[in-house]
């Protein structure tokens, strides 16, 4: 008899309101508890691990243990056939410095370990320097990238022509191409 007291329209409206209220309560419950479902534990480390810089490992040191003290990246490091035999070629990019500043920094790195400048040529775009310490020869070719300005990160490239060196350690990092930039038989054109 109680159902006879409410007309059919009122019962339908009441049922819709009750269902809407239950749905709202359900959504609020899910939102209130969602922080505990399927979330990763925050570590504060949001970058993937990066391999060490090629020259920082000590695996394949520069002659005389020279240290390049300028912002740079090594892009490739390997042994190549030349007209005078096998030589090590290290290709890199320098950052934030103009061509002459980068040149001075690289030459100073080798001068600090006993190398002296033997020759220099500059065609306005590429500068080439040969250095020696009496027993070893180091060649350097350096060029600025075109259309760079103070806002450009990478400003130019360099190539070091070095004596061949064996790995200084059997540490696994010395066999990792991502760290050493020694990509096996993949050779860049000269």
Protein backbone atom coordinates (compact mmCIF):
# COMPACT_ATOMS: atom_id res chain seq x y z
CA UNK A 1 0.00 0.00 0.00
CA UNK A 2 2.92 2.36 0.62
CA UNK A 3 3.70 2.29 -3.05
CA UNK A 4 0.20 3.49 -3.72
CA UNK A 5 0.89 6.60 -1.67
CA UNK A 6 3.57 7.80 -4.14
CA UNK A 7 2.60 8.28 -7.75
CA UNK A 8 4.75 6.46 -10.36
CA UNK A 9 6.46 9.67 -11.45
CA UNK A 10 7.52 10.52 -7.91
CA UNK A 11 8.86 7.00 -7.37
CA UNK A 12 10.94 7.27 -10.59
CA UNK A 13 12.29 10.67 -9.52
CA UNK A 14 13.17 9.38 -6.05
CA UNK A 15 14.89 6.32 -7.56
CA UNK A 16 16.95 8.56 -9.91
CA UNK A 17 17.98 10.78 -6.97
CA UNK A 18 18.99 7.81 -4.85
CA UNK A 19 21.01 6.32 -7.74
CA UNK A 20 22.64 9.69 -8.45
CA UNK A 21 23.53 10.03 -4.76
CA UNK A 22 25.04 6.53 -4.69
CA UNK A 23 27.02 7.30 -7.88
CA UNK A 24 28.36 10.56 -6.38
CA UNK A 25 29.34 8.76 -3.18
CA UNK A 26 31.06 6.05 -5.26
CA UNK A 27 33.06 8.61 -7.26
CA UNK A 28 34.07 10.43 -4.08
CA UNK A 29 35.17 7.14 -2.49
CA UNK A 30 37.31 6.26 -5.55
CA UNK A 31 38.87 9.73 -5.59
CA UNK A 32 39.52 9.57 -1.86
CA UNK A 33 41.29 6.21 -2.11
CA UNK A 34 42.94 6.59 -5.55
CA UNK A 35 46.24 7.82 -4.09
CA UNK A 36 46.89 4.33 -2.77
CA UNK A 37 46.20 2.43 -6.01
CA UNK A 38 48.88 1.72 -8.64
CA UNK A 39 51.21 4.59 -7.89
CA UNK A 40 54.98 4.36 -8.14
CA UNK A 41 57.00 5.12 -5.07
CA UNK A 42 58.51 8.58 -5.59
CA UNK A 43 62.30 8.39 -5.76
CA UNK A 44 63.13 11.96 -6.70
CA UNK A 45 65.22 10.58 -9.60
CA UNK A 46 63.38 11.29 -12.81
CA UNK A 47 66.23 10.96 -15.30
CA UNK A 48 67.62 7.73 -16.68
CA UNK A 49 71.16 6.90 -15.60
CA UNK A 50 73.64 8.41 -18.05
CA UNK A 51 76.93 6.76 -19.00
CA UNK A 52 80.07 8.54 -17.83
CA UNK A 53 81.73 11.03 -20.18
CA UNK A 54 84.19 9.31 -22.53
CA UNK A 55 87.34 11.00 -21.26
CA UNK A 56 86.34 10.92 -17.57
CA UNK A 57 86.70 7.14 -17.14
CA UNK A 58 90.45 6.94 -17.77
CA UNK A 59 89.84 4.00 -20.10
CA UNK A 60 91.40 5.62 -23.18
CA UNK A 61 93.38 8.61 -21.90
CA UNK A 62 94.74 11.42 -24.01
CA UNK A 63 98.53 11.53 -24.53
CA UNK A 64 100.36 12.66 -21.41
CA UNK A 65 97.05 12.35 -19.54
CA UNK A 66 96.00 15.71 -20.94
CA UNK A 67 92.61 16.89 -19.64
CA UNK A 68 90.22 18.87 -21.84
CA UNK A 69 88.98 21.61 -19.53
CA UNK A 70 86.27 23.08 -21.72
CA UNK A 71 82.61 22.20 -22.10
CA UNK A 72 82.52 19.44 -24.72
CA UNK A 73 81.13 16.06 -25.77
CA UNK A 74 83.07 13.23 -27.36
CA UNK A 75 81.01 11.90 -30.27
CA UNK A 76 83.34 9.18 -31.58
CA UNK A 77 86.69 7.71 -30.59
CA UNK A 78 88.38 5.00 -32.58
CA UNK A 79 91.38 3.83 -34.56
CA UNK A 80 91.60 4.64 -38.28
CA UNK A 81 93.93 3.82 -41.15
CA UNK A 82 95.92 6.83 -42.33
CA UNK A 83 98.69 7.32 -44.87
CA UNK A 84 101.20 7.06 -42.00
CA UNK A 85 99.62 4.00 -40.34
CA UNK A 86 96.92 3.44 -37.74
CA UNK A 87 96.08 6.48 -35.62
CA UNK A 88 93.46 7.19 -33.00
CA UNK A 89 90.83 9.72 -34.03
CA UNK A 90 88.65 11.42 -31.43
CA UNK A 91 85.77 13.55 -32.69
CA UNK A 92 83.93 15.94 -30.44
CA UNK A 93 81.88 19.09 -30.13
CA UNK A 94 82.63 22.11 -27.98
CA UNK A 95 80.01 24.18 -26.21
CA UNK A 96 79.53 27.79 -25.11
CA UNK A 97 82.87 29.05 -26.41
CA UNK A 98 83.77 30.70 -29.68
CA UNK A 99 86.23 29.00 -32.01
CA UNK A 100 89.33 30.83 -30.79
CA UNK A 101 88.52 30.23 -27.10
CA UNK A 102 87.97 26.51 -27.72
CA UNK A 103 91.20 26.32 -29.70
CA UNK A 104 93.16 28.02 -26.90
CA UNK A 105 91.68 25.64 -24.29
CA UNK A 106 92.54 22.48 -26.24
CA UNK A 107 96.06 23.64 -27.08
CA UNK A 108 96.58 24.65 -23.42
CA UNK A 109 95.48 21.16 -22.28
CA UNK A 110 98.28 19.58 -24.28
CA UNK A 111 100.80 22.31 -23.45
CA UNK A 112 100.16 21.60 -19.75
CA UNK A 113 101.54 18.07 -20.23
CA UNK A 114 104.60 19.03 -22.27
CA UNK A 115 103.40 19.36 -25.86
CA UNK A 116 104.48 22.36 -27.91
CA UNK A 117 102.90 23.79 -31.01
CA UNK A 118 104.79 22.86 -34.19
CA UNK A 119 102.53 24.33 -36.85
CA UNK A 120 99.22 26.11 -37.37
CA UNK A 121 97.09 26.81 -40.43
CA UNK A 122 93.85 28.76 -40.48
CA UNK A 123 91.68 29.20 -43.58
CA UNK A 124 89.15 31.35 -41.74
CA UNK A 125 86.78 28.43 -41.14
CA UNK A 126 88.93 25.54 -39.96
CA UNK A 127 92.09 25.86 -37.93
CA UNK A 128 94.61 23.00 -37.84
CA UNK A 129 97.34 22.70 -35.24
CA UNK A 130 100.09 20.12 -34.87
CA UNK A 131 101.61 19.59 -31.43
CA UNK A 132 104.47 17.38 -30.29
CA UNK A 133 106.38 16.40 -27.19
CA UNK A 134 109.43 14.89 -28.81
CA UNK A 135 108.09 11.34 -29.01
CA UNK A 136 104.41 11.80 -29.82
CA UNK A 137 102.45 13.90 -32.29
CA UNK A 138 98.94 15.28 -31.77
CA UNK A 139 96.90 16.90 -34.54
CA UNK A 140 93.90 19.14 -34.00
CA UNK A 141 91.30 20.36 -36.50
CA UNK A 142 88.68 22.72 -35.13
CA UNK A 143 85.81 24.56 -36.82
CA UNK A 144 82.89 26.68 -35.64
CA UNK A 145 79.37 25.72 -36.61
CA UNK A 146 77.73 28.31 -38.86
CA UNK A 147 75.02 30.66 -37.56
CA UNK A 148 75.67 30.23 -33.84
CA UNK A 149 75.20 32.98 -31.27
CA UNK A 150 75.35 33.48 -27.49
CA UNK A 151 72.18 31.40 -27.08
CA UNK A 152 73.58 28.38 -28.95
CA UNK A 153 74.87 25.53 -26.80
CA UNK A 154 77.01 23.58 -29.30
CA UNK A 155 79.27 26.06 -31.08
CA UNK A 156 81.64 23.87 -33.09
CA UNK A 157 83.45 20.60 -33.64
CA UNK A 158 86.97 19.31 -33.23
CA UNK A 159 88.96 16.28 -34.35
CA UNK A 160 92.04 15.08 -32.50
CA UNK A 161 94.57 12.95 -34.39
CA UNK A 162 96.28 10.95 -31.63
CA UNK A 163 98.61 8.02 -31.13
CA UNK A 164 96.80 4.68 -30.71
CA UNK A 165 96.26 3.70 -27.08
CA UNK A 166 95.09 0.45 -25.51
CA UNK A 167 92.43 0.36 -22.82
CA UNK A 168 94.02 1.38 -19.53
CA UNK A 169 91.78 -0.94 -17.51
CA UNK A 170 89.71 -4.08 -17.81
CA UNK A 171 86.84 -2.37 -15.98
CA UNK A 172 83.53 -3.18 -17.74
CA UNK A 173 82.98 0.53 -18.42
CA UNK A 174 85.99 0.38 -20.77
CA UNK A 175 84.10 -2.10 -22.97
CA UNK A 176 80.88 -0.06 -23.04
CA UNK A 177 80.59 1.90 -26.31
CA UNK A 178 78.14 4.33 -24.68
CA UNK A 179 80.90 5.35 -22.26
CA UNK A 180 83.96 5.15 -24.49
CA UNK A 181 82.36 6.24 -27.81
CA UNK A 182 84.30 3.38 -29.41
CA UNK A 183 81.61 1.94 -31.67
CA UNK A 184 83.52 -1.06 -33.03
CA UNK A 185 83.95 -1.21 -36.80
CA UNK A 186 81.62 1.70 -37.47
CA UNK A 187 83.98 4.34 -38.76
CA UNK A 188 83.20 7.88 -39.71
CA UNK A 189 84.45 9.23 -43.04
CA UNK A 190 87.62 11.26 -42.80
